[in-house]
Amino acid sequence: MPTALWIAHVEVTDPEAYGKYAALAGPAIAAHGGVFLARAGRYVQLEGNDRPRNVVARFPSLEAGVECYHSAAYQAAMAHAKGASTRDLMIVEESE
């Protein structure tokens, strides 16, 4: 089964609330086998909407990433991100 990448492009509007999200989201992602590959590092925006925080995590499968998103632990984290950020999030299956 191919692995999958969780890709988030984020503009943080409330750093304090978003910090609470990040503190809870990391353990929720790890609990579903997610491993961060990039987390708010340097980047160059070449096309599309610029969002200054970019995160990439690898999951064991697309299903594991979706399960993580819908988990109670991740949704508890999301309660802090709502209203504290503008986000685009997708999970993309990697090619074998």
N, C-alpha and C. Protein backbone atom coordinates (compact mmCIF):
# COMPACT_ATOMS: atom_id res chain seq x y z
N MET A 1 0.85 -1.18 0.00
CA MET A 1 0.00 0.00 0.00
C MET A 1 0.89 1.24 0.00
N PRO A 2 0.65 2.19 -0.87
CA PRO A 2 1.49 3.39 -0.94
C PRO A 2 1.29 4.30 0.27
N THR A 3 2.35 5.00 0.64
CA THR A 3 2.25 6.01 1.68
C THR A 3 1.53 7.23 1.13
N ALA A 4 1.23 8.18 2.01
CA ALA A 4 0.52 9.39 1.58
C ALA A 4 1.11 10.60 2.29
N LEU A 5 1.01 11.74 1.63
CA LEU A 5 1.51 12.99 2.18
C LEU A 5 0.35 13.88 2.58
N TRP A 6 0.41 14.36 3.78
CA TRP A 6 -0.54 15.34 4.32
C TRP A 6 0.13 16.69 4.08
N ILE A 7 -0.48 17.55 3.31
CA ILE A 7 0.12 18.82 2.91
C ILE A 7 -0.80 19.95 3.35
N ALA A 8 -0.28 20.82 4.19
CA ALA A 8 -1.06 21.95 4.69
C ALA A 8 -0.35 23.26 4.34
N HIS A 9 -1.13 24.20 3.88
CA HIS A 9 -0.66 25.57 3.62
C HIS A 9 -1.48 26.46 4.53
N VAL A 10 -0.81 27.20 5.41
CA VAL A 10 -1.50 27.88 6.50
C VAL A 10 -1.05 29.33 6.64
N GLU A 11 -2.02 30.19 6.89
CA GLU A 11 -1.75 31.56 7.33
C GLU A 11 -2.30 31.67 8.74
N VAL A 12 -1.43 31.88 9.70
CA VAL A 12 -1.84 31.97 11.10
C VAL A 12 -2.29 33.40 11.39
N THR A 13 -3.49 33.53 11.95
CA THR A 13 -4.03 34.85 12.29
C THR A 13 -4.07 35.08 13.81
N ASP A 14 -3.97 34.02 14.59
CA ASP A 14 -3.94 34.11 16.05
C ASP A 14 -2.87 33.14 16.55
N PRO A 15 -1.63 33.62 16.70
CA PRO A 15 -0.52 32.73 17.06
C PRO A 15 -0.72 31.99 18.38
N GLU A 16 -1.33 32.60 19.37
CA GLU A 16 -1.52 31.93 20.66
C GLU A 16 -2.46 30.73 20.52
N ALA A 17 -3.60 30.93 19.88
CA ALA A 17 -4.55 29.83 19.68
C ALA A 17 -3.96 28.77 18.77
N TYR A 18 -3.24 29.19 17.73
CA TYR A 18 -2.67 28.22 16.81
C TYR A 18 -1.57 27.41 17.48
N GLY A 19 -0.88 28.01 18.43
CA GLY A 19 0.12 27.27 19.20
C GLY A 19 -0.51 26.13 19.99
N LYS A 20 -1.71 26.36 20.51
CA LYS A 20 -2.44 25.30 21.22
C LYS A 20 -2.82 24.18 20.24
N TYR A 21 -3.24 24.57 19.03
CA TYR A 21 -3.53 23.57 17.99
C TYR A 21 -2.28 22.72 17.72
N ALA A 22 -1.15 23.37 17.48
CA ALA A 22 0.07 22.65 17.12
C ALA A 22 0.51 21.70 18.23
N ALA A 23 0.36 22.12 19.48
CA ALA A 23 0.75 21.28 20.61
C ALA A 23 -0.07 19.99 20.66
N LEU A 24 -1.33 20.06 20.28
CA LEU A 24 -2.21 18.88 20.29
C LEU A 24 -2.15 18.10 18.98
N ALA A 25 -1.95 18.79 17.87
CA ALA A 25 -1.98 18.13 16.55
C ALA A 25 -0.80 17.20 16.35
N GLY A 26 0.38 17.60 16.81
CA GLY A 26 1.57 16.76 16.63
C GLY A 26 1.40 15.37 17.20
N PRO A 27 0.99 15.24 18.46
CA PRO A 27 0.78 13.90 19.01
C PRO A 27 -0.35 13.12 18.31
N ALA A 28 -1.40 13.81 17.88
CA ALA A 28 -2.49 13.13 17.16
C ALA A 28 -1.99 12.57 15.84
N ILE A 29 -1.17 13.34 15.14
CA ILE A 29 -0.60 12.90 13.87
C ILE A 29 0.33 11.71 14.10
N ALA A 30 1.19 11.81 15.10
CA ALA A 30 2.12 10.72 15.41
C ALA A 30 1.38 9.43 15.78
N ALA A 31 0.26 9.57 16.49
CA ALA A 31 -0.52 8.40 16.91
C ALA A 31 -1.09 7.63 15.73
N HIS A 32 -1.19 8.28 14.57
CA HIS A 32 -1.69 7.62 13.36
C HIS A 32 -0.57 7.29 12.39
N GLY A 33 0.66 7.30 12.88
CA GLY A 33 1.80 6.92 12.05
C GLY A 33 2.37 8.06 11.23
N GLY A 34 1.89 9.28 11.46
CA GLY A 34 2.38 10.43 10.70
C GLY A 34 3.75 10.88 11.18
N VAL A 35 4.61 11.23 10.23
CA VAL A 35 5.96 11.72 10.51
C VAL A 35 6.14 13.02 9.74
N PHE A 36 6.54 14.07 10.44
CA PHE A 36 6.72 15.36 9.78
C PHE A 36 7.97 15.34 8.91
N LEU A 37 7.82 15.81 7.67
CA LEU A 37 8.94 15.95 6.73
C LEU A 37 9.35 17.41 6.60
N ALA A 38 8.38 18.31 6.72
CA ALA A 38 8.64 19.75 6.64
C ALA A 38 7.61 20.43 7.54
N ARG A 39 8.09 21.40 8.29
CA ARG A 39 7.20 22.07 9.24
C ARG A 39 7.63 23.52 9.37
N ALA A 40 7.00 24.38 8.60
CA ALA A 40 7.20 25.82 8.70
C ALA A 40 8.62 26.27 8.38
N GLY A 41 9.30 25.55 7.53
CA GLY A 41 10.65 25.92 7.14
C GLY A 41 10.66 26.95 6.01
N ARG A 42 11.82 27.21 5.51
CA ARG A 42 11.96 28.13 4.38
C ARG A 42 11.25 27.57 3.16
N TYR A 43 10.75 28.44 2.31
CA TYR A 43 10.07 28.02 1.10
C TYR A 43 10.13 29.15 0.07
N VAL A 44 9.83 28.81 -1.17
CA VAL A 44 9.70 29.78 -2.25
C VAL A 44 8.36 29.54 -2.90
N GLN A 45 7.50 30.55 -2.90
CA GLN A 45 6.17 30.44 -3.51
C GLN A 45 6.32 30.72 -5.01
N LEU A 46 6.04 29.73 -5.83
CA LEU A 46 6.20 29.89 -7.28
C LEU A 46 4.88 30.15 -7.98
N GLU A 47 3.79 29.59 -7.47
CA GLU A 47 2.47 29.79 -8.07
C GLU A 47 1.42 29.70 -6.97
N GLY A 48 0.24 30.21 -7.27
CA GLY A 48 -0.89 30.05 -6.36
C GLY A 48 -0.85 30.96 -5.16
N ASN A 49 -1.70 30.63 -4.17
CA ASN A 49 -1.84 31.43 -2.97
C ASN A 49 -0.67 31.23 -2.02
N ASP A 50 -0.11 32.34 -1.58
CA ASP A 50 1.01 32.28 -0.64
C ASP A 50 0.46 32.15 0.78
N ARG A 51 0.87 31.11 1.46
CA ARG A 51 0.56 30.92 2.87
C ARG A 51 1.89 30.68 3.55
N PRO A 52 2.26 31.49 4.53
CA PRO A 52 3.62 31.44 5.06
C PRO A 52 3.98 30.23 5.91
N ARG A 53 3.02 29.41 6.29
CA ARG A 53 3.35 28.20 7.07
C ARG A 53 2.97 26.99 6.22
N ASN A 54 3.93 26.14 5.94
CA ASN A 54 3.71 24.97 5.09
C ASN A 54 4.19 23.74 5.85
N VAL A 55 3.34 22.72 5.87
CA VAL A 55 3.62 21.50 6.64
C VAL A 55 3.41 20.29 5.74
N VAL A 56 4.35 19.36 5.78
CA VAL A 56 4.21 18.09 5.06
C VAL A 56 4.49 16.97 6.05
N ALA A 57 3.57 16.01 6.12
CA ALA A 57 3.76 14.83 6.96
C ALA A 57 3.48 13.60 6.11
N ARG A 58 4.22 12.54 6.37
CA ARG A 58 4.00 11.28 5.65
C ARG A 58 3.23 10.33 6.56
N PHE A 59 2.19 9.71 6.00
CA PHE A 59 1.40 8.70 6.70
C PHE A 59 1.60 7.35 6.03
N PRO A 60 1.37 6.26 6.76
CA PRO A 60 1.54 4.93 6.18
C PRO A 60 0.61 4.68 4.99
N SER A 61 -0.52 5.39 4.94
CA SER A 61 -1.48 5.23 3.84
C SER A 61 -2.38 6.45 3.79
N LEU A 62 -3.07 6.62 2.69
CA LEU A 62 -4.06 7.68 2.55
C LEU A 62 -5.13 7.51 3.63
N GLU A 63 -5.54 6.27 3.85
CA GLU A 63 -6.58 6.00 4.84
C GLU A 63 -6.15 6.40 6.25
N ALA A 64 -4.87 6.17 6.58
CA ALA A 64 -4.37 6.55 7.90
C ALA A 64 -4.41 8.06 8.08
N GLY A 65 -4.09 8.80 7.04
CA GLY A 65 -4.15 10.26 7.11
C GLY A 65 -5.57 10.77 7.28
N VAL A 66 -6.50 10.17 6.55
CA VAL A 66 -7.91 10.57 6.67
C VAL A 66 -8.44 10.19 8.05
N GLU A 67 -8.07 9.02 8.53
CA GLU A 67 -8.49 8.58 9.87
C GLU A 67 -7.95 9.54 10.93
N CYS A 68 -6.72 9.98 10.77
CA CYS A 68 -6.14 10.95 11.70
C CYS A 68 -6.97 12.23 11.71
N TYR A 69 -7.27 12.75 10.54
CA TYR A 69 -8.03 14.00 10.45
C TYR A 69 -9.35 13.90 11.19
N HIS A 70 -10.02 12.80 11.05
CA HIS A 70 -11.34 12.63 11.66
C HIS A 70 -11.30 12.13 13.10
N SER A 71 -10.11 11.85 13.63
CA SER A 71 -9.99 11.32 14.99
C SER A 71 -10.40 12.38 16.02
N ALA A 72 -10.84 11.90 17.17
CA ALA A 72 -11.22 12.79 18.26
C ALA A 72 -10.05 13.67 18.69
N ALA A 73 -8.85 13.11 18.74
CA ALA A 73 -7.68 13.87 19.18
C ALA A 73 -7.35 15.01 18.22
N TYR A 74 -7.41 14.72 16.91
CA TYR A 74 -7.10 15.78 15.94
C TYR A 74 -8.20 16.83 15.91
N GLN A 75 -9.43 16.41 16.01
CA GLN A 75 -10.54 17.36 16.01
C GLN A 75 -10.50 18.26 17.24
N ALA A 76 -10.01 17.73 18.38
CA ALA A 76 -9.82 18.57 19.56
C ALA A 76 -8.77 19.64 19.28
N ALA A 77 -7.72 19.26 18.57
CA ALA A 77 -6.70 20.23 18.17
C ALA A 77 -7.29 21.27 17.22
N MET A 78 -8.08 20.80 16.27
CA MET A 78 -8.68 21.69 15.27
C MET A 78 -9.57 22.76 15.90
N ALA A 79 -10.13 22.49 17.06
CA ALA A 79 -10.96 23.48 17.74
C ALA A 79 -10.16 24.77 18.00
N HIS A 80 -8.85 24.65 18.17
CA HIS A 80 -7.99 25.82 18.39
C HIS A 80 -7.57 26.48 17.08
N ALA A 81 -7.53 25.73 15.98
CA ALA A 81 -7.11 26.28 14.70
C ALA A 81 -8.22 27.08 14.02
N LYS A 82 -9.46 26.67 14.25
CA LYS A 82 -10.59 27.37 13.63
C LYS A 82 -10.65 28.78 14.19
N GLY A 83 -10.70 29.75 13.30
CA GLY A 83 -10.70 31.14 13.70
C GLY A 83 -9.30 31.68 13.99
N ALA A 84 -8.30 30.81 14.02
CA ALA A 84 -6.93 31.23 14.29
C ALA A 84 -6.04 31.10 13.06
N SER A 85 -6.65 30.64 11.95
CA SER A 85 -5.85 30.42 10.74
C SER A 85 -6.75 30.29 9.52
N THR A 86 -6.13 30.50 8.37
CA THR A 86 -6.73 30.16 7.08
C THR A 86 -5.87 29.04 6.54
N ARG A 87 -6.52 27.92 6.18
CA ARG A 87 -5.75 26.73 5.83
C ARG A 87 -6.28 26.05 4.58
N ASP A 88 -5.37 25.44 3.88
CA ASP A 88 -5.69 24.46 2.83
C ASP A 88 -5.00 23.19 3.29
N LEU A 89 -5.73 22.07 3.25
CA LEU A 89 -5.15 20.80 3.68
C LEU A 89 -5.58 19.72 2.71
N MET A 90 -4.63 18.90 2.31
CA MET A 90 -4.94 17.77 1.43
C MET A 90 -4.08 16.59 1.82
N ILE A 91 -4.54 15.42 1.45
CA ILE A 91 -3.74 14.20 1.61
C ILE A 91 -3.60 13.60 0.23
N VAL A 92 -2.36 13.36 -0.18
CA VAL A 92 -2.06 12.89 -1.52
C VAL A 92 -1.32 11.56 -1.43
N GLU A 93 -1.82 10.57 -2.10
CA GLU A 93 -1.16 9.27 -2.12
C GLU A 93 0.12 9.38 -2.96
N GLU A 94 1.20 8.82 -2.43
CA GLU A 94 2.47 8.85 -3.16
C GLU A 94 2.48 7.77 -4.25
N SER A 95 3.20 8.05 -5.30
CA SER A 95 3.36 7.06 -6.37
C SER A 95 4.22 5.93 -5.86
N GLU A 96 3.93 4.75 -6.34
CA GLU A 96 4.73 3.58 -5.92
C GLU A 96 5.99 3.48 -6.74
